[in-house]
């Protein structure tokens, strides 16, 4: 996390990198760390501010923190002149002859589209704790129900939580990432098309399988988003995106 003086310098470099990416230019590799640390610093500053709320509002603060991280990522993607919203999509359920029987709806944090096609579905969370299973299952169900291979990605801030150590009674951190679950779903269900962290855990770098499927968030903005946008998507007319965060998946 940057201090205030470093952030003042880095924020200008961050905006410079976004300008270049919007013009489909590749920023210098030296700006990769700036991209990672600026996003991390902005979100952690929001979280620290929310921590100052009275203890009775801690659950509300966590919810607001997650919502604002989702909004931050959507704003960054939109700043690249890429259409990105949150909301629900219609999933047409067809019979063996291709006739639509009915539609069911799914809500997603990121619905990224281009050229009148939905190209990428994404999930944005501050951590993967208690959430990683659903992201893998969402991809499996969506692509099974639609007979498509639409890319699904996940973006996380970090995967640690505070813990109090005894007998010193000091605060430390505890990892929340479940590597066994991640590996099992990747191998036996379906791999995600991109998993990105602002603060990546050491085992995500040293473990051979994890390192193949998990990267720092700069990789998404530098290259992966453009590669995924180049793939075939679903017609926006078919999926009928409805923007908003107030609906649950059915």
C-alpha atoms as a PDB file:
ATOM      1  CA  UNK A   1       0.000   0.000   0.000  1.00  0.00           C
ATOM      2  CA  UNK A   2       1.393   3.387  -1.008  1.00  0.00           C
ATOM      3  CA  UNK A   3       1.916   6.202   1.466  1.00  0.00           C
ATOM      4  CA  UNK A   4       0.358   9.555   0.577  1.00  0.00           C
ATOM      5  CA  UNK A   5       3.472  11.028  -1.054  1.00  0.00           C
ATOM      6  CA  UNK A   6       4.134   7.979  -3.221  1.00  0.00           C
ATOM      7  CA  UNK A   7       0.461   7.737  -4.140  1.00  0.00           C
ATOM      8  CA  UNK A   8       0.452  11.311  -5.440  1.00  0.00           C
ATOM      9  CA  UNK A   9       3.168  10.400  -7.939  1.00  0.00           C
ATOM     10  CA  UNK A  10       1.864   6.935  -8.733  1.00  0.00           C
ATOM     11  CA  UNK A  11      -1.697   8.128  -9.365  1.00  0.00           C
ATOM     12  CA  UNK A  12      -0.506  10.266 -12.288  1.00  0.00           C
ATOM     13  CA  UNK A  13       1.414   7.318 -13.721  1.00  0.00           C
ATOM     14  CA  UNK A  14      -1.677   5.171 -13.199  1.00  0.00           C
ATOM     15  CA  UNK A  15      -3.833   7.549 -15.242  1.00  0.00           C
ATOM     16  CA  UNK A  16      -1.135   7.656 -17.908  1.00  0.00           C
ATOM     17  CA  UNK A  17      -1.239   3.864 -18.167  1.00  0.00           C
ATOM     18  CA  UNK A  18      -5.038   3.893 -18.476  1.00  0.00           C
ATOM     19  CA  UNK A  19      -4.820   6.488 -21.265  1.00  0.00           C
ATOM     20  CA  UNK A  20      -2.416   4.278 -23.189  1.00  0.00           C
ATOM     21  CA  UNK A  21      -4.544   1.178 -22.671  1.00  0.00           C
ATOM     22  CA  UNK A  22      -7.636   3.051 -23.861  1.00  0.00           C
ATOM     23  CA  UNK A  23      -5.751   3.827 -27.086  1.00  0.00           C
ATOM     24  CA  UNK A  24      -4.844   0.120 -27.340  1.00  0.00           C
ATOM     25  CA  UNK A  25      -1.209   0.899 -26.636  1.00  0.00           C
ATOM     26  CA  UNK A  26       0.858  -1.230 -24.272  1.00  0.00           C
ATOM     27  CA  UNK A  27       2.250   0.804 -21.358  1.00  0.00           C
ATOM     28  CA  UNK A  28       5.815   0.250 -20.261  1.00  0.00           C
ATOM     29  CA  UNK A  29       6.264  -2.788 -18.022  1.00  0.00           C
ATOM     30  CA  UNK A  30       7.471  -0.494 -15.253  1.00  0.00           C
ATOM     31  CA  UNK A  31       3.877   0.704 -14.878  1.00  0.00           C
ATOM     32  CA  UNK A  32       2.546  -2.776 -14.127  1.00  0.00           C
ATOM     33  CA  UNK A  33       3.349  -2.482 -10.432  1.00  0.00           C
ATOM     34  CA  UNK A  34       1.883   1.017 -10.388  1.00  0.00           C
ATOM     35  CA  UNK A  35      -1.376  -0.396 -11.751  1.00  0.00           C
ATOM     36  CA  UNK A  36      -1.482  -3.110  -9.090  1.00  0.00           C
ATOM     37  CA  UNK A  37      -0.511  -0.923  -6.129  1.00  0.00           C
ATOM     38  CA  UNK A  38      -2.747   2.018  -7.045  1.00  0.00           C
ATOM     39  CA  UNK A  39      -5.866  -0.145  -7.272  1.00  0.00           C
ATOM     40  CA  UNK A  40      -4.889  -1.854  -4.019  1.00  0.00           C
ATOM     41  CA  UNK A  41      -4.206   1.433  -2.232  1.00  0.00           C
ATOM     42  CA  UNK A  42      -7.487   3.032  -3.332  1.00  0.00           C
ATOM     43  CA  UNK A  43      -9.532   0.062  -2.175  1.00  0.00           C
ATOM     44  CA  UNK A  44      -7.673  -0.434   1.102  1.00  0.00           C
ATOM     45  CA  UNK A  45      -8.103   3.276   1.872  1.00  0.00           C
ATOM     46  CA  UNK A  46     -11.857   2.782   1.405  1.00  0.00           C
ATOM     47  CA  UNK A  47     -11.770  -0.261   3.664  1.00  0.00           C
ATOM     48  CA  UNK A  48      -9.777   1.552   6.355  1.00  0.00           C
ATOM     49  CA  UNK A  49     -12.288   4.405   6.323  1.00  0.00           C
ATOM     50  CA  UNK A  50     -15.191   1.991   6.705  1.00  0.00           C
ATOM     51  CA  UNK A  51     -13.363   0.320   9.606  1.00  0.00           C
ATOM     52  CA  UNK A  52     -13.791   3.586  11.492  1.00  0.00           C
ATOM     53  CA  UNK A  53     -17.567   3.092  11.608  1.00  0.00           C
ATOM     54  CA  UNK A  54     -19.058   2.033  14.957  1.00  0.00           C
ATOM     55  CA  UNK A  55     -18.680  -1.696  15.645  1.00  0.00           C
ATOM     56  CA  UNK A  56     -22.419  -2.254  15.319  1.00  0.00           C
ATOM     57  CA  UNK A  57     -22.214  -1.346  11.659  1.00  0.00           C
ATOM     58  CA  UNK A  58     -19.321  -3.667  10.771  1.00  0.00           C
ATOM     59  CA  UNK A  59     -21.440  -6.019   8.663  1.00  0.00           C
ATOM     60  CA  UNK A  60     -22.841  -3.093   6.702  1.00  0.00           C
ATOM     61  CA  UNK A  61     -19.311  -1.739   6.227  1.00  0.00           C
ATOM     62  CA  UNK A  62     -18.103  -5.042   4.742  1.00  0.00           C
ATOM     63  CA  UNK A  63     -21.009  -5.056   2.308  1.00  0.00           C
ATOM     64  CA  UNK A  64     -20.318  -1.450   1.261  1.00  0.00           C
ATOM     65  CA  UNK A  65     -16.608  -2.225   0.888  1.00  0.00           C
ATOM     66  CA  UNK A  66     -17.358  -5.104  -1.489  1.00  0.00           C
ATOM     67  CA  UNK A  67     -19.852  -3.048  -3.485  1.00  0.00           C
ATOM     68  CA  UNK A  68     -17.371  -0.204  -3.919  1.00  0.00           C
ATOM     69  CA  UNK A  69     -14.628  -2.578  -5.081  1.00  0.00           C
ATOM     70  CA  UNK A  70     -16.983  -3.941  -7.736  1.00  0.00           C
ATOM     71  CA  UNK A  71     -17.791  -0.392  -8.813  1.00  0.00           C
ATOM     72  CA  UNK A  72     -14.100   0.566  -8.932  1.00  0.00           C
ATOM     73  CA  UNK A  73     -13.268  -2.318 -11.268  1.00  0.00           C
ATOM     74  CA  UNK A  74     -16.236  -1.534 -13.521  1.00  0.00           C
ATOM     75  CA  UNK A  75     -15.189   2.116 -13.720  1.00  0.00           C
ATOM     76  CA  UNK A  76     -11.642   1.147 -14.663  1.00  0.00           C
ATOM     77  CA  UNK A  77     -12.868  -1.156 -17.426  1.00  0.00           C
ATOM     78  CA  UNK A  78     -15.310   1.482 -18.683  1.00  0.00           C
ATOM     79  CA  UNK A  79     -12.465   4.047 -18.723  1.00  0.00           C
ATOM     80  CA  UNK A  80     -10.885   1.935 -21.489  1.00  0.00           C
ATOM     81  CA  UNK A  81     -13.958   2.592 -23.675  1.00  0.00           C
ATOM     82  CA  UNK A  82     -15.145  -0.959 -23.057  1.00  0.00           C
ATOM     83  CA  UNK A  83     -18.823  -1.501 -22.245  1.00  0.00           C
ATOM     84  CA  UNK A  84     -19.053  -2.931 -18.740  1.00  0.00           C
ATOM     85  CA  UNK A  85     -22.062  -3.081 -16.400  1.00  0.00           C
ATOM     86  CA  UNK A  86     -23.413  -5.198 -13.594  1.00  0.00           C
ATOM     87  CA  UNK A  87     -26.841  -6.736 -13.824  1.00  0.00           C
ATOM     88  CA  UNK A  88     -28.811  -9.742 -14.986  1.00  0.00           C
ATOM     89  CA  UNK A  89     -28.680 -11.719 -18.210  1.00  0.00           C
ATOM     90  CA  UNK A  90     -31.396 -13.871 -19.702  1.00  0.00           C
ATOM     91  CA  UNK A  91     -30.372 -17.483 -20.210  1.00  0.00           C
ATOM     92  CA  UNK A  92     -32.611 -19.143 -22.822  1.00  0.00           C
ATOM     93  CA  UNK A  93     -33.374 -22.791 -22.073  1.00  0.00           C
ATOM     94  CA  UNK A  94     -33.857 -24.730 -25.306  1.00  0.00           C
ATOM     95  CA  UNK A  95     -35.164 -28.200 -26.108  1.00  0.00           C
ATOM     96  CA  UNK A  96     -33.309 -30.744 -28.246  1.00  0.00           C
ATOM     97  CA  UNK A  97     -34.599 -29.005 -31.379  1.00  0.00           C
ATOM     98  CA  UNK A  98     -33.264 -25.596 -30.348  1.00  0.00           C
ATOM     99  CA  UNK A  99     -36.673 -24.155 -29.483  1.00  0.00           C
ATOM    100  CA  UNK A 100     -36.614 -21.767 -26.511  1.00  0.00           C
ATOM    101  CA  UNK A 101     -38.812 -23.158 -23.736  1.00  0.00           C
ATOM    102  CA  UNK A 102     -38.274 -20.361 -21.211  1.00  0.00           C
ATOM    103  CA  UNK A 103     -35.645 -17.962 -19.864  1.00  0.00           C
ATOM    104  CA  UNK A 104     -33.916 -17.942 -16.501  1.00  0.00           C
ATOM    105  CA  UNK A 105     -31.890 -15.018 -15.164  1.00  0.00           C
ATOM    106  CA  UNK A 106     -28.445 -14.805 -13.618  1.00  0.00           C
ATOM    107  CA  UNK A 107     -26.878 -11.786 -11.948  1.00  0.00           C
ATOM    108  CA  UNK A 108     -23.194 -10.974 -12.408  1.00  0.00           C
ATOM    109  CA  UNK A 109     -20.794  -8.274 -11.195  1.00  0.00           C
ATOM    110  CA  UNK A 110     -19.218  -7.768 -14.632  1.00  0.00           C
ATOM    111  CA  UNK A 111     -20.962  -8.046 -17.980  1.00  0.00           C
ATOM    112  CA  UNK A 112     -18.426  -6.937 -20.580  1.00  0.00           C
ATOM    113  CA  UNK A 113     -19.565  -6.504 -24.164  1.00  0.00           C
ATOM    114  CA  UNK A 114     -18.323  -5.308 -27.536  1.00  0.00           C
ATOM    115  CA  UNK A 115     -19.774  -5.176 -31.056  1.00  0.00           C
ATOM    116  CA  UNK A 116     -23.295  -6.006 -29.796  1.00  0.00           C
ATOM    117  CA  UNK A 117     -22.099  -9.200 -28.164  1.00  0.00           C
ATOM    118  CA  UNK A 118     -21.631 -10.211 -24.538  1.00  0.00           C
ATOM    119  CA  UNK A 119     -17.979 -11.255 -24.428  1.00  0.00           C
ATOM    120  CA  UNK A 120     -16.975 -11.734 -20.762  1.00  0.00           C
ATOM    121  CA  UNK A 121     -18.777 -12.517 -17.502  1.00  0.00           C
ATOM    122  CA  UNK A 122     -16.916 -11.632 -14.332  1.00  0.00           C
ATOM    123  CA  UNK A 123     -17.056 -11.799 -10.561  1.00  0.00           C
ATOM    124  CA  UNK A 124     -15.391  -9.142  -8.375  1.00  0.00           C
ATOM    125  CA  UNK A 125     -14.843  -9.816  -4.677  1.00  0.00           C
ATOM    126  CA  UNK A 126     -12.571  -8.444  -1.981  1.00  0.00           C
ATOM    127  CA  UNK A 127     -11.609 -12.054  -1.157  1.00  0.00           C
ATOM    128  CA  UNK A 128     -12.435 -15.541  -2.388  1.00  0.00           C
ATOM    129  CA  UNK A 129     -13.480 -16.791   1.051  1.00  0.00           C
ATOM    130  CA  UNK A 130     -16.805 -18.699   0.802  1.00  0.00           C
ATOM    131  CA  UNK A 131     -17.187 -17.492  -2.800  1.00  0.00           C
ATOM    132  CA  UNK A 132     -14.764 -19.410  -4.998  1.00  0.00           C
ATOM    133  CA  UNK A 133     -17.058 -22.455  -5.322  1.00  0.00           C
ATOM    134  CA  UNK A 134     -19.918 -20.398  -6.735  1.00  0.00           C
ATOM    135  CA  UNK A 135     -17.755 -18.756  -9.394  1.00  0.00           C
ATOM    136  CA  UNK A 136     -16.694 -22.098 -10.847  1.00  0.00           C
ATOM    137  CA  UNK A 137     -20.252 -23.441 -10.689  1.00  0.00           C
ATOM    138  CA  UNK A 138     -21.618 -20.280 -12.325  1.00  0.00           C
ATOM    139  CA  UNK A 139     -19.391 -20.840 -15.336  1.00  0.00           C
ATOM    140  CA  UNK A 140     -20.305 -24.503 -15.556  1.00  0.00           C
ATOM    141  CA  UNK A 141     -24.058 -23.880 -15.341  1.00  0.00           C
ATOM    142  CA  UNK A 142     -24.090 -20.866 -17.661  1.00  0.00           C
ATOM    143  CA  UNK A 143     -22.137 -22.551 -20.440  1.00  0.00           C
ATOM    144  CA  UNK A 144     -24.015 -25.820 -19.984  1.00  0.00           C
ATOM    145  CA  UNK A 145     -27.410 -24.135 -20.153  1.00  0.00           C
ATOM    146  CA  UNK A 146     -26.495 -21.933 -23.123  1.00  0.00           C
ATOM    147  CA  UNK A 147     -24.282 -24.442 -24.980  1.00  0.00           C
ATOM    148  CA  UNK A 148     -21.599 -21.743 -25.200  1.00  0.00           C
ATOM    149  CA  UNK A 149     -18.022 -21.322 -23.986  1.00  0.00           C
ATOM    150  CA  UNK A 150     -18.391 -17.725 -22.791  1.00  0.00           C
ATOM    151  CA  UNK A 151     -15.305 -16.677 -20.782  1.00  0.00           C
ATOM    152  CA  UNK A 152     -15.746 -16.273 -17.018  1.00  0.00           C
ATOM    153  CA  UNK A 153     -13.184 -14.387 -14.932  1.00  0.00           C
ATOM    154  CA  UNK A 154     -12.712 -13.522 -11.259  1.00  0.00           C
ATOM    155  CA  UNK A 155     -11.002 -10.475  -9.732  1.00  0.00           C
ATOM    156  CA  UNK A 156     -10.015 -10.396  -6.048  1.00  0.00           C
ATOM    157  CA  UNK A 157      -8.406  -7.760  -3.867  1.00  0.00           C
ATOM    158  CA  UNK A 158      -6.566 -10.189  -1.601  1.00  0.00           C
ATOM    159  CA  UNK A 159      -7.106 -13.387   0.365  1.00  0.00           C
ATOM    160  CA  UNK A 160      -6.226 -12.624   3.963  1.00  0.00           C
ATOM    161  CA  UNK A 161      -8.196 -11.730   7.049  1.00  0.00           C
ATOM    162  CA  UNK A 162      -7.230 -10.309  10.413  1.00  0.00           C
ATOM    163  CA  UNK A 163      -6.613 -12.669  13.315  1.00  0.00           C
ATOM    164  CA  UNK A 164      -5.658 -12.056  16.939  1.00  0.00           C
ATOM    165  CA  UNK A 165      -2.708 -14.083  18.186  1.00  0.00           C
ATOM    166  CA  UNK A 166      -2.441 -15.387  21.729  1.00  0.00           C
ATOM    167  CA  UNK A 167      -0.958 -14.851  24.261  1.00  0.00           C
ATOM    168  CA  UNK A 168       0.541 -11.658  22.790  1.00  0.00           C
ATOM    169  CA  UNK A 169      -2.974 -10.448  21.907  1.00  0.00           C
ATOM    170  CA  UNK A 170      -1.691  -8.910  18.696  1.00  0.00           C
ATOM    171  CA  UNK A 171      -3.323  -8.752  15.303  1.00  0.00           C
ATOM    172  CA  UNK A 172      -1.880 -10.727  12.414  1.00  0.00           C
ATOM    173  CA  UNK A 173      -3.221 -12.156   9.189  1.00  0.00           C
ATOM    174  CA  UNK A 174      -4.653 -15.510   8.211  1.00  0.00           C
ATOM    175  CA  UNK A 175      -4.941 -16.819   4.646  1.00  0.00           C
ATOM    176  CA  UNK A 176      -8.518 -17.443   3.398  1.00  0.00           C
ATOM    177  CA  UNK A 177      -7.690 -18.973   0.018  1.00  0.00           C
ATOM    178  CA  UNK A 178      -8.594 -22.666  -0.339  1.00  0.00           C
ATOM    179  CA  UNK A 179      -6.031 -24.125  -2.761  1.00  0.00           C
ATOM    180  CA  UNK A 180      -7.522 -27.623  -2.661  1.00  0.00           C
ATOM    181  CA  UNK A 181     -10.954 -26.362  -3.725  1.00  0.00           C
ATOM    182  CA  UNK A 182      -9.461 -24.213  -6.469  1.00  0.00           C
ATOM    183  CA  UNK A 183      -7.398 -27.069  -7.892  1.00  0.00           C
ATOM    184  CA  UNK A 184     -10.259 -29.566  -7.713  1.00  0.00           C
ATOM    185  CA  UNK A 185     -12.704 -27.302  -9.546  1.00  0.00           C
ATOM    186  CA  UNK A 186     -10.083 -26.325 -12.112  1.00  0.00           C
ATOM    187  CA  UNK A 187      -9.250 -29.932 -12.957  1.00  0.00           C
ATOM    188  CA  UNK A 188     -12.566 -31.726 -12.525  1.00  0.00           C
ATOM    189  CA  UNK A 189     -15.198 -29.054 -13.303  1.00  0.00           C
ATOM    190  CA  UNK A 190     -13.828 -26.333 -15.556  1.00  0.00           C
ATOM    191  CA  UNK A 191     -10.974 -23.816 -15.360  1.00  0.00           C
ATOM    192  CA  UNK A 192     -11.856 -20.142 -15.191  1.00  0.00           C
ATOM    193  CA  UNK A 193     -10.640 -17.962 -18.057  1.00  0.00           C
ATOM    194  CA  UNK A 194      -8.750 -15.614 -15.772  1.00  0.00           C
ATOM    195  CA  UNK A 195      -8.255 -15.199 -12.021  1.00  0.00           C
ATOM    196  CA  UNK A 196      -6.596 -11.966 -10.888  1.00  0.00           C
ATOM    197  CA  UNK A 197      -5.377 -10.579  -7.559  1.00  0.00           C
ATOM    198  CA  UNK A 198      -4.146  -7.174  -6.459  1.00  0.00           C
ATOM    199  CA  UNK A 199      -2.310  -8.782  -3.532  1.00  0.00           C
ATOM    200  CA  UNK A 200      -1.331 -12.254  -4.702  1.00  0.00           C
ATOM    201  CA  UNK A 201      -0.492 -14.961  -2.153  1.00  0.00           C
ATOM    202  CA  UNK A 202       2.991 -16.569  -2.234  1.00  0.00           C
ATOM    203  CA  UNK A 203       1.620 -20.063  -2.960  1.00  0.00           C
ATOM    204  CA  UNK A 204      -0.123 -18.724  -6.058  1.00  0.00           C
ATOM    205  CA  UNK A 205       3.334 -18.006  -7.464  1.00  0.00           C
ATOM    206  CA  UNK A 206       5.244 -21.057  -6.239  1.00  0.00           C
ATOM    207  CA  UNK A 207       2.607 -23.744  -6.824  1.00  0.00           C
ATOM    208  CA  UNK A 208       2.815 -25.048 -10.396  1.00  0.00           C
ATOM    209  CA  UNK A 209      -0.929 -25.459 -10.989  1.00  0.00           C
ATOM    210  CA  UNK A 210      -2.019 -22.310  -9.194  1.00  0.00           C
ATOM    211  CA  UNK A 211       0.542 -20.180 -11.047  1.00  0.00           C
ATOM    212  CA  UNK A 212      -0.908 -21.343 -14.376  1.00  0.00           C
ATOM    213  CA  UNK A 213      -4.370 -20.058 -13.510  1.00  0.00           C
ATOM    214  CA  UNK A 214      -3.855 -17.117 -11.129  1.00  0.00           C
ATOM    215  CA  UNK A 215      -2.157 -13.829 -12.005  1.00  0.00           C
ATOM    216  CA  UNK A 216      -1.803 -10.279 -10.748  1.00  0.00           C
ATOM    217  CA  UNK A 217      -4.429  -7.827 -11.940  1.00  0.00           C
ATOM    218  CA  UNK A 218      -2.104  -5.982 -14.330  1.00  0.00           C
ATOM    219  CA  UNK A 219      -2.241  -8.988 -16.650  1.00  0.00           C
ATOM    220  CA  UNK A 220      -5.968  -8.489 -17.113  1.00  0.00           C
ATOM    221  CA  UNK A 221      -5.638  -4.859 -18.146  1.00  0.00           C
ATOM    222  CA  UNK A 222      -2.453  -5.261 -20.180  1.00  0.00           C
ATOM    223  CA  UNK A 223      -3.448  -8.167 -22.376  1.00  0.00           C
ATOM    224  CA  UNK A 224      -6.124 -10.618 -21.232  1.00  0.00           C
ATOM    225  CA  UNK A 225      -9.133  -8.317 -21.580  1.00  0.00           C
ATOM    226  CA  UNK A 226      -8.233  -7.617 -25.200  1.00  0.00           C
ATOM    227  CA  UNK A 227      -7.697 -11.284 -25.985  1.00  0.00           C
ATOM    228  CA  UNK A 228     -11.022 -12.238 -24.425  1.00  0.00           C
ATOM    229  CA  UNK A 229     -12.844  -9.455 -26.276  1.00  0.00           C
ATOM    230  CA  UNK A 230     -11.575 -10.873 -29.561  1.00  0.00           C
ATOM    231  CA  UNK A 231     -13.431 -14.154 -29.001  1.00  0.00           C
ATOM    232  CA  UNK A 232     -16.940 -14.912 -30.233  1.00  0.00           C
ATOM    233  CA  UNK A 233     -19.683 -13.878 -27.805  1.00  0.00           C
ATOM    234  CA  UNK A 234     -23.444 -13.986 -27.370  1.00  0.00           C
ATOM    235  CA  UNK A 235     -25.835 -11.579 -29.041  1.00  0.00           C
ATOM    236  CA  UNK A 236     -26.927  -8.790 -26.680  1.00  0.00           C
ATOM    237  CA  UNK A 237     -30.413  -9.158 -28.127  1.00  0.00           C
ATOM    238  CA  UNK A 238     -30.493 -12.744 -26.900  1.00  0.00           C
ATOM    239  CA  UNK A 239     -29.127 -12.203 -23.398  1.00  0.00           C
ATOM    240  CA  UNK A 240     -31.171  -9.015 -22.732  1.00  0.00           C
ATOM    241  CA  UNK A 241     -28.875  -7.444 -20.154  1.00  0.00           C
ATOM    242  CA  UNK A 242     -30.707  -5.510 -17.461  1.00  0.00           C
ATOM    243  CA  UNK A 243     -28.420  -3.243 -15.479  1.00  0.00           C
ATOM    244  CA  UNK A 244     -28.665  -3.043 -11.697  1.00  0.00           C
ATOM    245  CA  UNK A 245     -27.620  -4.754  -8.476  1.00  0.00           C
ATOM    246  CA  UNK A 246     -31.031  -5.419  -6.975  1.00  0.00           C
ATOM    247  CA  UNK A 247     -31.858  -8.826  -8.415  1.00  0.00           C
ATOM    248  CA  UNK A 248     -30.772 -12.237  -7.274  1.00  0.00           C
ATOM    249  CA  UNK A 249     -30.035 -15.190  -9.530  1.00  0.00           C
ATOM    250  CA  UNK A 250     -33.029 -17.430  -9.994  1.00  0.00           C
END
